[in-house]
Amino acid sequence: MRMPVLQASRLRADDRALISMELQRFFSFPWNLRLCFLIVPAIWLSLWQHVPSPFVPIFGALFIGLEPQFCNIFFRTANEFEALSVLPVPWPRIVLAKNLSTILITLICLPIISIIVLFFSPDIVPASQFWKAALYLASVIFPLLHAGNLQSLHHPRRRMGWEADDLAGGLLMACTVGVLSLPYLILVEGVGAPVLCLLYAGAGAYFYLRHSVHQTARRVIEARSVLCAAR
């Protein structure tokens, strides 16, 4: 009777180990310096009078800078996929651990970028802007994780850094975020119904937990040959 409990406990420990490893490796990757470079145009855009909120360039810099965390989850190092393949952990748990670590990294980087950008703002940012920023993040984060998982399968990049593929990935990330921002823009900025946006965010989280993780894990097994041949 104790065996299932011990097995479940071991898997939970594996999840924590994977998340901890992802967090530690993130801060050791040299490509993370792109966040520092993206803060500069974010500050400049936040001072532009036609930008409706300073959080627009903040989220732009955040998501473009974290593009590999969302859209290249199996090759943040050259032989990561092969290493993951031999772990005694099911693929759904690997995908979930990677996505949860991405959420944690996003929540770590967002306040840092916000403090730096808002420091240069000549005006006091009203509290409503912070509430809208939190609502926007809730509405876009889970659809973005799902889109990033699919992108990781269809266009994996074994090498990352400052190459043309990384530039293309950043541009595609900007377009993806723009499309996924439409529900927030319609429900909150257009209709003025933040409650509906909260319901949409909850539906996105439900779909992600119910379908996206298992779909991604199943497609990983089906696309093993494509992932192994990624350049």
Protein backbone atom coordinates (compact mmCIF):
# COMPACT_ATOMS: atom_id res chain seq x y z
CA MET A 1 0.00 0.00 0.00
CA ARG A 2 2.93 2.36 0.49
CA MET A 3 4.38 1.92 -2.98
CA PRO A 4 2.06 4.39 -4.82
CA VAL A 5 2.67 7.01 -2.13
CA LEU A 6 6.42 6.62 -2.41
CA GLN A 7 6.25 6.74 -6.21
CA ALA A 8 4.12 9.90 -6.19
CA SER A 9 6.50 11.48 -3.69
CA ARG A 10 9.48 10.63 -5.88
CA LEU A 11 7.82 12.21 -8.92
CA ARG A 12 7.04 15.37 -6.99
CA ALA A 13 10.68 15.51 -5.96
CA ASP A 14 11.64 15.10 -9.63
CA ASP A 15 9.39 18.00 -10.54
CA ARG A 16 11.01 20.22 -7.94
CA ALA A 17 14.47 19.18 -9.12
CA LEU A 18 13.62 19.98 -12.74
CA ILE A 19 12.21 23.38 -11.85
CA SER A 20 15.21 24.18 -9.66
CA MET A 21 17.58 23.13 -12.44
CA GLU A 22 15.71 25.29 -14.97
CA LEU A 23 15.91 28.34 -12.71
CA GLN A 24 19.61 27.85 -12.03
CA ARG A 25 20.49 27.36 -15.68
CA PHE A 26 18.48 30.38 -16.80
CA PHE A 27 20.74 32.78 -14.94
CA SER A 28 23.85 31.12 -16.40
CA PHE A 29 22.84 31.43 -20.07
CA PRO A 30 24.70 34.21 -21.92
CA TRP A 31 21.74 34.84 -24.22
CA ASN A 32 19.86 36.24 -21.25
CA LEU A 33 21.87 39.43 -21.74
CA ARG A 34 19.38 40.29 -24.48
CA LEU A 35 17.04 41.39 -21.69
CA CYS A 36 19.55 44.06 -20.70
CA PHE A 37 19.75 45.37 -24.27
CA LEU A 38 15.97 45.34 -24.68
CA ILE A 39 15.50 47.49 -21.57
CA VAL A 40 17.04 50.45 -23.41
CA PRO A 41 14.41 50.67 -26.21
CA ALA A 42 11.74 49.87 -23.60
CA ILE A 43 12.76 52.99 -21.64
CA TRP A 44 12.73 55.09 -24.81
CA LEU A 45 9.31 53.83 -25.88
CA SER A 46 7.85 54.37 -22.40
CA LEU A 47 8.71 58.06 -22.74
CA TRP A 48 6.94 58.33 -26.10
CA GLN A 49 3.68 60.19 -25.65
CA HIS A 50 1.78 57.95 -28.08
CA VAL A 51 2.37 54.81 -25.99
CA PRO A 52 -0.82 54.27 -23.93
CA SER A 53 0.98 52.66 -20.99
CA PRO A 54 4.63 52.15 -19.98
CA PHE A 55 3.78 48.48 -19.50
CA VAL A 56 3.45 48.04 -23.27
CA PRO A 57 7.23 48.27 -23.88
CA ILE A 58 7.87 46.50 -20.58
CA PHE A 59 5.97 43.41 -21.68
CA GLY A 60 7.45 43.69 -25.16
CA ALA A 61 10.99 43.57 -23.80
CA LEU A 62 10.07 40.82 -21.35
CA PHE A 63 8.50 38.41 -23.81
CA ILE A 64 10.96 39.00 -26.64
CA GLY A 65 13.87 38.60 -24.22
CA LEU A 66 12.42 35.38 -22.82
CA GLU A 67 11.53 33.96 -26.25
CA PRO A 68 13.77 30.86 -25.87
CA GLN A 69 12.12 30.10 -22.52
CA PHE A 70 8.74 29.95 -24.23
CA CYS A 71 9.51 28.81 -27.78
CA ASN A 72 12.58 26.56 -27.58
CA ILE A 73 11.99 24.57 -24.44
CA PHE A 74 13.87 21.41 -25.50
CA PHE A 75 17.15 22.95 -26.72
CA ARG A 76 18.24 25.67 -24.31
CA THR A 77 21.50 23.71 -24.35
CA ALA A 78 22.80 21.75 -27.34
CA ASN A 79 22.05 18.20 -26.13
CA GLU A 80 19.21 18.95 -23.72
CA PHE A 81 16.60 16.87 -25.55
CA GLU A 82 18.78 13.77 -25.52
CA ALA A 83 19.43 14.25 -21.81
CA LEU A 84 15.71 14.65 -21.09
CA SER A 85 14.96 11.49 -23.06
CA VAL A 86 16.87 9.29 -20.61
CA LEU A 87 15.36 10.78 -17.45
CA PRO A 88 13.00 8.44 -15.54
CA VAL A 89 10.29 11.11 -15.65
CA PRO A 90 7.25 11.08 -17.97
CA TRP A 91 7.19 13.72 -20.70
CA PRO A 92 4.03 15.44 -19.35
CA ARG A 93 5.84 16.16 -16.11
CA ILE A 94 8.91 17.41 -17.96
CA VAL A 95 6.82 19.78 -20.08
CA LEU A 96 4.87 20.98 -17.03
CA ALA A 97 8.06 21.56 -15.01
CA LYS A 98 9.61 23.54 -17.87
CA ASN A 99 6.50 25.68 -18.29
CA LEU A 100 6.19 26.30 -14.56
CA SER A 101 9.82 27.40 -14.44
CA THR A 102 9.09 29.79 -17.31
CA ILE A 103 6.21 31.29 -15.33
CA LEU A 104 8.48 31.74 -12.30
CA ILE A 105 11.21 33.33 -14.42
CA THR A 106 8.63 35.68 -15.95
CA LEU A 107 7.44 36.68 -12.48
CA ILE A 108 11.05 37.30 -11.41
CA CYS A 109 12.05 39.36 -14.45
CA LEU A 110 8.85 41.40 -14.75
CA PRO A 111 9.31 43.41 -11.51
CA ILE A 112 12.99 44.02 -12.29
CA ILE A 113 12.31 45.36 -15.78
CA SER A 114 9.32 47.35 -14.51
CA ILE A 115 11.34 49.06 -11.77
CA ILE A 116 14.09 50.05 -14.22
CA VAL A 117 11.72 51.35 -16.90
CA LEU A 118 9.33 53.11 -14.51
CA PHE A 119 12.27 54.77 -12.77
CA PHE A 120 12.75 56.92 -15.87
CA SER A 121 9.06 57.71 -16.24
CA PRO A 122 8.39 61.44 -15.68
CA ASP A 123 4.84 60.75 -14.50
CA ILE A 124 3.45 58.78 -11.60
CA VAL A 125 1.95 55.55 -12.86
CA PRO A 126 -1.58 55.14 -11.44
CA ALA A 127 -2.50 52.01 -9.53
CA SER A 128 -5.01 51.07 -12.23
CA GLN A 129 -2.11 50.51 -14.65
CA PHE A 130 -0.61 47.89 -12.32
CA TRP A 131 -3.97 46.14 -12.03
CA LYS A 132 -4.35 46.12 -15.81
CA ALA A 133 -0.80 44.81 -16.20
CA ALA A 134 -1.56 41.91 -13.86
CA LEU A 135 -4.81 41.20 -15.70
CA TYR A 136 -3.01 41.29 -19.05
CA LEU A 137 -0.33 38.88 -17.86
CA ALA A 138 -2.98 36.47 -16.57
CA SER A 139 -4.81 36.58 -19.89
CA VAL A 140 -1.79 35.99 -22.11
CA ILE A 141 0.59 33.73 -20.16
CA PHE A 142 -1.11 30.35 -20.66
CA PRO A 143 -1.99 30.82 -24.35
CA LEU A 144 1.61 31.95 -24.85
CA LEU A 145 2.92 28.82 -23.14
CA HIS A 146 0.75 26.67 -25.42
CA ALA A 147 1.90 28.52 -28.53
CA GLY A 148 5.50 28.29 -27.35
CA ASN A 149 5.23 24.54 -26.81
CA LEU A 150 3.99 24.11 -30.38
CA GLN A 151 6.75 26.37 -31.69
CA SER A 152 9.33 24.32 -29.78
CA LEU A 153 8.17 21.21 -31.63
CA HIS A 154 7.80 22.65 -35.12
CA HIS A 155 10.89 24.89 -35.24
CA PRO A 156 13.44 23.70 -32.65
CA ARG A 157 16.80 25.51 -32.52
CA ARG A 158 19.73 23.54 -31.16
CA ARG A 159 21.94 26.64 -31.21
CA MET A 160 20.92 29.90 -29.55
CA GLY A 161 22.63 33.22 -29.19
CA TRP A 162 22.82 36.17 -31.56
CA GLU A 163 22.12 34.50 -34.90
CA ALA A 164 19.54 35.14 -37.62
CA ASP A 165 17.29 32.38 -36.26
CA ASP A 166 17.20 34.13 -32.90
CA LEU A 167 16.21 37.42 -34.54
CA ALA A 168 13.47 35.62 -36.47
CA GLY A 169 12.33 33.96 -33.25
CA GLY A 170 12.11 37.34 -31.52
CA LEU A 171 10.06 38.82 -34.37
CA LEU A 172 7.74 35.81 -34.37
CA MET A 173 7.39 36.14 -30.60
CA ALA A 174 6.38 39.80 -30.99
CA CYS A 175 3.74 38.85 -33.57
CA THR A 176 2.45 36.00 -31.39
CA VAL A 177 2.15 38.24 -28.34
CA GLY A 178 0.33 40.83 -30.46
CA VAL A 179 -2.26 38.29 -31.59
CA LEU A 180 -2.70 36.82 -28.12
CA SER A 181 -3.19 40.33 -26.72
CA LEU A 182 -6.36 40.87 -28.78
CA PRO A 183 -8.75 39.32 -26.21
CA TYR A 184 -7.42 41.65 -23.51
CA LEU A 185 -7.62 44.68 -25.80
CA ILE A 186 -11.19 43.82 -26.78
CA LEU A 187 -12.52 42.83 -23.35
CA VAL A 188 -10.73 45.41 -21.18
CA GLU A 189 -9.71 48.37 -23.32
CA GLY A 190 -12.59 48.04 -25.80
CA VAL A 191 -15.64 46.73 -23.98
CA GLY A 192 -14.47 47.61 -20.47
CA ALA A 193 -15.31 44.21 -19.02
CA PRO A 194 -12.37 43.03 -16.87
CA VAL A 195 -14.54 40.29 -15.36
CA LEU A 196 -14.88 38.70 -18.80
CA CYS A 197 -11.12 38.97 -19.21
CA LEU A 198 -10.67 37.13 -15.89
CA LEU A 199 -13.00 34.40 -17.15
CA TYR A 200 -10.99 34.23 -20.37
CA ALA A 201 -7.76 33.93 -18.35
CA GLY A 202 -9.30 31.12 -16.30
CA ALA A 203 -10.40 29.33 -19.47
CA GLY A 204 -6.89 29.65 -20.88
CA ALA A 205 -5.39 28.16 -17.72
CA TYR A 206 -7.94 25.31 -17.78
CA PHE A 207 -7.20 24.50 -21.43
CA TYR A 208 -3.47 24.59 -20.78
CA LEU A 209 -3.61 22.26 -17.77
CA ARG A 210 -6.22 19.97 -19.30
CA HIS A 211 -4.94 19.66 -22.85
CA SER A 212 -1.75 21.54 -23.73
CA VAL A 213 0.70 19.68 -21.50
CA HIS A 214 -0.49 16.22 -22.60
CA GLN A 215 -0.75 17.24 -26.26
CA THR A 216 2.81 18.56 -26.19
CA ALA A 217 4.10 15.41 -24.47
CA ARG A 218 2.37 13.20 -27.03
CA ARG A 219 3.74 15.24 -29.93
CA VAL A 220 7.24 15.08 -28.45
CA ILE A 221 7.17 11.31 -28.82
CA GLU A 222 5.75 11.57 -32.34
CA ALA A 223 8.28 14.22 -33.41
CA ARG A 224 11.31 12.58 -31.82
CA SER A 225 13.10 12.19 -35.15
CA VAL A 226 12.53 15.86 -36.04
CA LEU A 227 13.80 17.01 -32.66
CA CYS A 228 16.88 14.81 -32.83
CA ALA A 229 17.70 16.18 -36.28
CA ALA A 230 17.32 19.83 -35.20
CA ARG A 231 20.29 21.92 -36.22
